[in-house]
Amino acid sequence: MAKNQLEFKGYALVDPARFTDLEVTTIEPKTFTADDVEIAITHCGVCGSDVHTLKQGWGESKLPLIVGHEIVGHAVRVGENVRDIKVGQRVGVGAKIGSCMQCRQCKEGLENYCPKGISTYNSVYPDGIVTQGGYSTAIRAHQQFVFPIPDGIESRYAASMLCGGLTVFSPLVTNGTGPGKKVGIVGIGGLGHYAVLFAKALGAEVWAFTHSPNKMEDAKKLGADHVVDTNKEDFAKPHALSLDLIVSTMDATPQLPIKQFLSMLYVHGRFVTVGIPDKDQPLPTLHAFDLVPNGCYIGGSAIGCKKECMQMLKLAADKDIKPWIEELPMKDAKKALEGVADNKVRYRYVLTQDLA
């Protein structure tokens, strides 16, 4: 076990009225335990969740707060109970950093659904320490939430897979995406571009649905077999009863034409939403008549478990999957956050370490 030499500090929110003006702040890490891995951070993706949290869209932040949950770095300290990670190994952390490890979900490998799950930032450990994210020099995490990064994936590409990628990969594999399946992806953004990449890599026939005409060509380059402009009236009619699965990545749900999307599902097809808007933006109202004609299902998905993450990383390495990213030093987090908030990013920002 290597002795800890890291200084824990990062770019923190101190004033919610200035959500992009982050200040370098020293942070207190969790108490290190036998199940923990300490990581020196080299890269951190910028997620839409970071913007929602910094802008207080999901509730009040615990200040000062460092966001970021698409973390890649090197293990510098490993607890004695840790099984599959060694000091010096390249590893990552996603949107969860701990769970009870005792409930049915945890015991069945569904730790991402643990009722006592601990988020990577803006959450609280049992000892009262506030969790701080990856716009920082270092982090400690329980081994179940630390993912070895395959040699075939560069750190800059792996980073945003650990939330943005996993969030769409999990519902794709959970719902049987593969050869012979027809899968629709709603929204070509940070999540949606990953969904197209992974659905295609898994062997499905992929439909991309976008209301942004300037993204239609991007969707084709990402691998979509068909691209549909949702601005067109009755865009869904030609595709009625044709899709096995639709994954919606939109987080602007009040204007989501959900009834039209449901009409495109084949019998017992599934519509899964992974985009989570601010608390005051509910899904559009539905009637039972919208569900009965094809017996369709509506559901959600929460990130993904470690088993799914390792499956995703292996697929990305085997298929040489590369997200579309722009790299910036961490000190330029303001630019990245503004780009995400204004929907100008194509399609993920990745921050590189400049404090360590």
Protein backbone atom coordinates (compact mmCIF):
# COMPACT_ATOMS: atom_id res chain seq x y z
CA MET A 1 0.00 0.00 0.00
CA ALA A 2 1.43 3.32 -1.04
CA LYS A 3 1.30 6.08 1.55
CA ASN A 4 -1.02 8.92 0.64
CA GLN A 5 0.85 11.99 -0.62
CA LEU A 6 -2.01 13.69 -2.42
CA GLU A 7 -3.41 17.10 -1.67
CA PHE A 8 -7.16 17.08 -2.11
CA LYS A 9 -8.30 20.28 -3.80
CA GLY A 10 -10.44 21.28 -6.75
CA TYR A 11 -12.59 23.84 -8.55
CA ALA A 12 -15.62 24.45 -6.33
CA LEU A 13 -18.94 26.25 -6.50
CA VAL A 14 -19.10 28.83 -3.74
CA ASP A 15 -21.93 31.09 -4.95
CA PRO A 16 -24.99 29.53 -6.68
CA ALA A 17 -25.73 32.90 -8.33
CA ARG A 18 -22.49 32.45 -10.32
CA PHE A 19 -22.70 28.79 -11.23
CA THR A 20 -19.76 28.82 -13.68
CA ASP A 21 -17.37 30.81 -11.48
CA LEU A 22 -15.53 28.06 -9.63
CA GLU A 23 -12.79 28.70 -7.06
CA VAL A 24 -9.90 26.44 -6.07
CA THR A 25 -10.76 25.01 -2.67
CA THR A 26 -9.15 22.44 -0.36
CA ILE A 27 -11.46 19.52 0.41
CA GLU A 28 -11.71 16.87 3.11
CA PRO A 29 -11.77 13.33 1.68
CA LYS A 30 -13.66 10.44 3.23
CA THR A 31 -11.88 8.28 5.78
CA PHE A 32 -9.86 5.66 3.90
CA THR A 33 -11.02 2.08 4.52
CA ALA A 34 -9.91 -1.42 3.55
CA ASP A 35 -12.38 -1.42 0.62
CA ASP A 36 -11.29 1.93 -0.82
CA VAL A 37 -9.16 3.03 -3.73
CA GLU A 38 -7.51 6.45 -3.76
CA ILE A 39 -7.15 7.93 -7.23
CA ALA A 40 -4.97 10.73 -8.58
CA ILE A 41 -7.25 12.31 -11.19
CA THR A 42 -5.98 13.04 -14.70
CA HIS A 43 -9.26 13.59 -16.58
CA CYS A 44 -12.88 14.42 -15.80
CA GLY A 45 -15.78 14.68 -18.22
CA VAL A 46 -18.35 17.47 -17.99
CA CYS A 47 -21.86 16.09 -17.66
CA GLY A 48 -25.25 17.73 -17.94
CA SER A 49 -25.75 16.61 -14.34
CA ASP A 50 -22.98 19.02 -13.35
CA VAL A 51 -24.93 21.94 -14.82
CA HIS A 52 -28.24 20.91 -13.22
CA THR A 53 -26.52 20.62 -9.84
CA LEU A 54 -24.54 23.85 -10.07
CA LYS A 55 -27.65 25.78 -11.14
CA GLN A 56 -29.64 24.24 -8.25
CA GLY A 57 -32.05 22.64 -10.72
CA TRP A 58 -32.11 19.36 -8.78
CA GLY A 59 -32.16 20.94 -5.34
CA GLU A 60 -29.86 22.89 -3.07
CA SER A 61 -26.12 22.23 -3.31
CA LYS A 62 -23.94 21.59 -0.26
CA LEU A 63 -21.37 24.38 -0.50
CA PRO A 64 -18.56 24.57 -1.29
CA LEU A 65 -19.17 21.89 -3.94
CA ILE A 66 -16.91 20.29 -6.53
CA VAL A 67 -18.85 18.54 -9.28
CA GLY A 68 -17.68 16.02 -11.88
CA HIS A 69 -18.47 12.29 -12.02
CA GLU A 70 -16.73 11.08 -15.15
CA ILE A 71 -13.35 10.52 -13.56
CA VAL A 72 -10.20 8.80 -14.81
CA GLY A 73 -6.85 8.64 -13.09
CA HIS A 74 -4.34 6.28 -11.47
CA ALA A 75 -4.74 4.29 -8.27
CA VAL A 76 -2.20 5.55 -5.75
CA ARG A 77 -3.48 3.74 -2.66
CA VAL A 78 -5.41 0.49 -2.44
CA GLY A 79 -7.18 -0.97 0.60
CA GLU A 80 -6.34 -4.48 1.77
CA ASN A 81 -9.76 -5.86 0.76
CA VAL A 82 -9.58 -4.54 -2.82
CA ARG A 83 -9.55 -7.44 -5.27
CA ASP A 84 -9.01 -6.33 -8.85
CA ILE A 85 -7.08 -3.03 -8.66
CA LYS A 86 -3.38 -2.43 -8.09
CA VAL A 87 -1.38 0.70 -7.27
CA GLY A 88 -0.46 2.46 -10.51
CA GLN A 89 -3.38 1.01 -12.47
CA ARG A 90 -5.53 3.29 -14.62
CA VAL A 91 -9.06 3.39 -13.23
CA GLY A 92 -12.27 5.40 -13.36
CA VAL A 93 -15.23 6.45 -11.22
CA GLY A 94 -18.73 7.32 -12.39
CA ALA A 95 -21.80 8.92 -10.83
CA LYS A 96 -21.95 6.71 -7.73
CA ILE A 97 -19.20 6.23 -5.20
CA GLY A 98 -20.74 4.00 -2.55
CA SER A 99 -23.72 1.92 -1.42
CA CYS A 100 -24.76 -0.22 1.55
CA MET A 101 -23.47 -3.47 -0.04
CA GLN A 102 -26.07 -5.34 2.05
CA CYS A 103 -29.45 -4.88 0.36
CA ARG A 104 -30.94 -7.14 -2.30
CA GLN A 105 -29.90 -4.77 -5.07
CA CYS A 106 -26.28 -4.68 -3.95
CA LYS A 107 -26.11 -8.45 -3.49
CA GLU A 108 -27.57 -9.03 -6.96
CA GLY A 109 -25.07 -6.74 -8.69
CA LEU A 110 -27.54 -3.87 -9.04
CA GLU A 111 -25.70 -1.57 -6.67
CA ASN A 112 -26.61 1.44 -8.80
CA TYR A 113 -30.18 1.04 -7.48
CA CYS A 114 -29.25 0.84 -3.78
CA PRO A 115 -31.64 3.03 -1.71
CA LYS A 116 -28.63 4.11 0.35
CA GLY A 117 -26.41 4.79 -2.64
CA ILE A 118 -23.92 7.63 -2.34
CA SER A 119 -23.51 10.00 -5.27
CA THR A 120 -20.00 11.01 -6.31
CA TYR A 121 -20.72 14.63 -5.40
CA ASN A 122 -23.27 16.63 -3.40
CA SER A 123 -24.05 13.58 -1.29
CA VAL A 124 -23.13 12.73 2.31
CA TYR A 125 -21.21 9.78 3.74
CA PRO A 126 -22.51 8.17 6.98
CA ASP A 127 -19.79 10.03 8.89
CA GLY A 128 -21.08 13.39 7.62
CA ILE A 129 -18.37 14.07 5.03
CA VAL A 130 -19.80 15.69 1.88
CA THR A 131 -18.79 13.93 -1.32
CA GLN A 132 -16.76 16.01 -3.77
CA GLY A 133 -16.34 15.27 -7.45
CA GLY A 134 -13.74 15.11 -10.16
CA TYR A 135 -12.91 18.71 -11.05
CA SER A 136 -10.16 18.06 -8.53
CA THR A 137 -6.83 16.41 -7.83
CA ALA A 138 -7.99 13.21 -6.16
CA ILE A 139 -10.87 11.07 -4.93
CA ARG A 140 -11.48 8.04 -2.73
CA ALA A 141 -14.08 5.45 -3.65
CA HIS A 142 -15.30 1.99 -2.65
CA GLN A 143 -13.84 -0.68 -4.92
CA GLN A 144 -17.29 -1.63 -6.31
CA PHE A 145 -17.48 1.81 -7.90
CA VAL A 146 -13.94 1.89 -9.30
CA PHE A 147 -13.58 0.60 -12.85
CA PRO A 148 -10.29 -0.66 -14.35
CA ILE A 149 -9.74 1.02 -17.74
CA PRO A 150 -8.69 -1.32 -20.57
CA ASP A 151 -5.39 -0.54 -22.29
CA GLY A 152 -7.24 -0.09 -25.58
CA ILE A 153 -9.04 3.10 -24.49
CA GLU A 154 -7.29 6.44 -23.99
CA SER A 155 -8.14 8.19 -20.74
CA ARG A 156 -9.64 11.18 -22.55
CA TYR A 157 -12.13 8.88 -24.27
CA ALA A 158 -12.87 6.71 -21.26
CA ALA A 159 -13.78 9.61 -18.98
CA SER A 160 -17.21 10.55 -20.29
CA MET A 161 -18.12 6.90 -20.82
CA LEU A 162 -18.32 6.49 -17.05
CA CYS A 163 -21.57 8.45 -16.81
CA GLY A 164 -22.65 9.61 -20.26
CA GLY A 165 -21.80 6.31 -21.89
CA LEU A 166 -22.96 3.99 -19.12
CA THR A 167 -26.26 5.84 -18.71
CA VAL A 168 -27.31 4.78 -22.21
CA PHE A 169 -25.40 1.48 -22.42
CA SER A 170 -27.28 0.03 -19.45
CA PRO A 171 -30.82 0.36 -20.89
CA LEU A 172 -29.58 -0.80 -24.29
CA VAL A 173 -28.20 -4.10 -22.97
CA THR A 174 -30.92 -4.52 -20.33
CA ASN A 175 -33.52 -4.42 -23.10
CA GLY A 176 -31.79 -6.79 -25.47
CA THR A 177 -30.16 -4.49 -28.02
CA GLY A 178 -28.38 -6.60 -30.62
CA PRO A 179 -28.65 -8.06 -34.13
CA GLY A 180 -32.21 -8.17 -35.40
CA LYS A 181 -33.40 -5.40 -33.05
CA LYS A 182 -34.62 -1.98 -34.18
CA VAL A 183 -33.64 0.75 -31.74
CA GLY A 184 -34.58 4.42 -31.68
CA ILE A 185 -32.46 7.10 -30.02
CA VAL A 186 -34.15 10.40 -29.15
CA GLY A 187 -31.84 13.39 -28.99
CA ILE A 188 -28.34 13.61 -30.47
CA GLY A 189 -26.35 15.20 -27.67
CA GLY A 190 -23.92 14.16 -24.98
CA LEU A 191 -25.98 11.08 -24.12
CA GLY A 192 -27.61 10.51 -27.49
CA HIS A 193 -24.40 10.42 -29.48
CA TYR A 194 -23.17 7.67 -27.14
CA ALA A 195 -26.45 5.80 -27.53
CA VAL A 196 -26.06 5.75 -31.31
CA LEU A 197 -22.43 4.61 -31.06
CA PHE A 198 -23.23 1.78 -28.65
CA ALA A 199 -26.51 0.64 -30.23
CA LYS A 200 -24.72 0.30 -33.57
CA ALA A 201 -21.73 -1.46 -31.98
CA LEU A 202 -24.12 -3.94 -30.35
CA GLY A 203 -25.48 -4.82 -33.79
CA ALA A 204 -28.88 -3.12 -33.82
CA GLU A 205 -30.52 -1.21 -36.66
CA VAL A 206 -30.51 2.34 -35.38
CA TRP A 207 -32.99 5.21 -35.85
CA ALA A 208 -31.86 8.63 -34.64
CA PHE A 209 -34.56 11.22 -33.85
CA THR A 210 -33.57 14.87 -33.61
CA HIS A 211 -35.21 18.28 -33.71
CA SER A 212 -31.88 19.88 -34.71
CA PRO A 213 -31.37 19.75 -38.49
CA ASN A 214 -27.68 20.57 -38.05
CA LYS A 215 -27.21 17.29 -36.16
CA MET A 216 -28.71 15.01 -38.79
CA GLU A 217 -25.44 14.55 -40.65
CA ASP A 218 -23.65 13.97 -37.34
CA ALA A 219 -26.09 11.16 -36.52
CA LYS A 220 -25.23 9.44 -39.79
CA LYS A 221 -21.50 9.77 -39.12
CA LEU A 222 -22.02 8.26 -35.67
CA GLY A 223 -23.56 5.21 -37.30
CA ALA A 224 -27.32 5.76 -37.41
CA ASP A 225 -28.98 3.79 -40.20
CA HIS A 226 -31.94 6.19 -40.35
CA VAL A 227 -32.29 9.80 -39.20
CA VAL A 228 -35.70 11.38 -38.58
CA ASP A 229 -36.46 15.10 -38.23
CA THR A 230 -38.97 15.40 -35.38
CA ASN A 231 -39.90 18.94 -36.46
CA LYS A 232 -41.92 17.44 -39.30
CA GLU A 233 -45.60 16.97 -38.67
CA ASP A 234 -46.59 13.31 -38.29
CA PHE A 235 -42.93 12.25 -38.29
CA ALA A 236 -43.89 9.08 -36.42
CA LYS A 237 -46.54 7.74 -38.80
CA PRO A 238 -44.18 6.05 -41.29
CA HIS A 239 -42.56 4.15 -38.41
CA ALA A 240 -45.68 3.00 -36.55
CA LEU A 241 -45.29 -0.35 -34.74
CA SER A 242 -41.72 -0.77 -35.99
CA LEU A 243 -39.25 -0.27 -33.14
CA ASP A 244 -38.37 -2.69 -30.36
CA LEU A 245 -36.83 -0.08 -28.06
CA ILE A 246 -36.63 3.69 -27.84
CA VAL A 247 -34.11 5.35 -25.52
CA SER A 248 -34.86 9.02 -24.92
CA THR A 249 -31.95 11.21 -23.85
CA MET A 250 -33.90 14.49 -23.87
CA ASP A 251 -33.95 16.41 -20.61
CA ALA A 252 -36.37 19.02 -21.92
CA THR A 253 -39.31 16.75 -21.26
CA PRO A 254 -42.33 19.10 -21.27
CA GLN A 255 -42.12 19.40 -25.06
CA LEU A 256 -41.25 15.72 -25.63
CA PRO A 257 -43.77 14.27 -28.13
CA ILE A 258 -44.00 11.11 -26.10
CA LYS A 259 -47.31 9.91 -27.55
CA GLN A 260 -45.83 9.89 -31.04
CA PHE A 261 -42.77 7.99 -29.87
CA LEU A 262 -44.89 5.39 -28.10
CA SER A 263 -46.85 4.83 -31.31
CA MET A 264 -43.66 3.70 -33.06
CA LEU A 265 -43.06 0.81 -30.66
CA TYR A 266 -43.86 -2.73 -31.71
CA VAL A 267 -46.04 -4.87 -29.44
CA HIS A 268 -44.61 -4.81 -25.90
CA GLY A 269 -41.86 -2.47 -27.03
CA ARG A 270 -40.22 -0.25 -24.45
CA PHE A 271 -39.64 3.47 -24.11
CA VAL A 272 -36.85 4.24 -21.63
CA THR A 273 -36.01 7.77 -20.59
CA VAL A 274 -32.56 8.59 -19.23
CA GLY A 275 -32.64 12.38 -19.60
CA ILE A 276 -33.51 14.01 -16.26
CA PRO A 277 -34.64 17.64 -16.41
CA ASP A 278 -34.99 20.12 -13.59
CA LYS A 279 -37.50 19.19 -10.89
CA ASP A 280 -40.17 21.52 -12.27
CA GLN A 281 -40.25 19.89 -15.72
CA PRO A 282 -42.41 16.72 -15.59
CA LEU A 283 -43.12 14.38 -18.47
CA PRO A 284 -46.15 15.21 -20.63
CA THR A 285 -49.49 13.80 -19.53
CA LEU A 286 -50.50 10.42 -20.92
CA HIS A 287 -53.80 8.56 -21.16
CA ALA A 288 -54.29 4.80 -20.95
CA PHE A 289 -55.30 4.90 -24.63
CA ASP A 290 -51.70 5.88 -25.42
CA LEU A 291 -50.40 2.60 -23.98
CA VAL A 292 -53.02 -0.01 -24.82
CA PRO A 293 -52.90 -0.29 -28.66
CA ASN A 294 -49.41 -1.85 -28.70
CA GLY A 295 -49.12 -2.88 -25.04
CA CYS A 296 -45.98 -0.74 -24.72
CA TYR A 297 -43.99 -0.09 -21.57
CA ILE A 298 -42.47 3.11 -20.19
CA GLY A 299 -39.49 3.05 -17.87
CA GLY A 300 -36.31 4.68 -16.70
CA SER A 301 -32.74 3.66 -15.97
CA ALA A 302 -30.20 4.74 -13.34
CA ILE A 303 -26.63 4.89 -14.67
CA GLY A 304 -25.41 1.26 -14.64
CA CYS A 305 -23.73 -1.36 -12.47
CA LYS A 306 -20.06 -2.36 -12.43
CA LYS A 307 -20.69 -5.47 -14.53
CA GLU A 308 -22.32 -3.34 -17.25
CA CYS A 309 -19.57 -0.74 -17.05
CA MET A 310 -16.87 -3.35 -17.62
CA GLN A 311 -18.89 -4.80 -20.51
CA MET A 312 -19.19 -1.32 -22.02
CA LEU A 313 -15.48 -0.58 -21.69
CA LYS A 314 -14.59 -3.91 -23.28
CA LEU A 315 -16.94 -3.22 -26.20
CA ALA A 316 -15.43 0.25 -26.63
CA ALA A 317 -11.92 -1.19 -26.65
CA ASP A 318 -12.79 -4.07 -28.99
CA LYS A 319 -14.71 -1.87 -31.43
CA ASP A 320 -12.41 1.18 -31.10
CA ILE A 321 -15.36 3.38 -30.10
CA LYS A 322 -14.39 7.01 -29.65
CA PRO A 323 -16.80 9.67 -28.38
CA TRP A 324 -16.72 13.11 -29.95
CA ILE A 325 -14.95 15.25 -27.37
CA GLU A 326 -13.22 18.57 -26.81
CA GLU A 327 -10.42 18.68 -24.24
CA LEU A 328 -9.86 21.67 -21.97
CA PRO A 329 -7.70 22.26 -18.89
CA MET A 330 -9.70 22.14 -15.66
CA LYS A 331 -9.23 25.87 -15.16
CA ASP A 332 -11.45 26.34 -18.23
CA ALA A 333 -14.39 24.49 -16.66
CA LYS A 334 -16.40 27.73 -17.01
CA LYS A 335 -16.22 27.50 -20.81
CA ALA A 336 -17.26 23.87 -20.75
CA LEU A 337 -20.18 24.43 -18.37
CA GLU A 338 -21.45 27.32 -20.46
CA GLY A 339 -21.16 25.20 -23.60
CA VAL A 340 -23.23 22.42 -22.03
CA ALA A 341 -25.80 24.85 -20.63
CA ASP A 342 -26.19 26.52 -24.04
CA ASN A 343 -26.25 23.18 -25.91
CA LYS A 344 -23.20 24.15 -27.96
CA VAL A 345 -21.02 21.14 -27.12
CA ARG A 346 -20.32 18.48 -29.80
CA TYR A 347 -20.67 16.25 -27.86
CA ARG A 348 -18.70 16.01 -24.59
CA TYR A 349 -16.14 18.20 -22.86
CA VAL A 350 -13.29 16.51 -21.02
CA LEU A 351 -11.22 18.45 -18.49
CA THR A 352 -7.54 17.63 -18.05
CA GLN A 353 -5.69 17.97 -14.75
CA ASP A 354 -3.88 21.26 -14.13
CA LEU A 355 -3.79 21.39 -10.32
CA ALA A 356 -1.77 18.31 -9.41
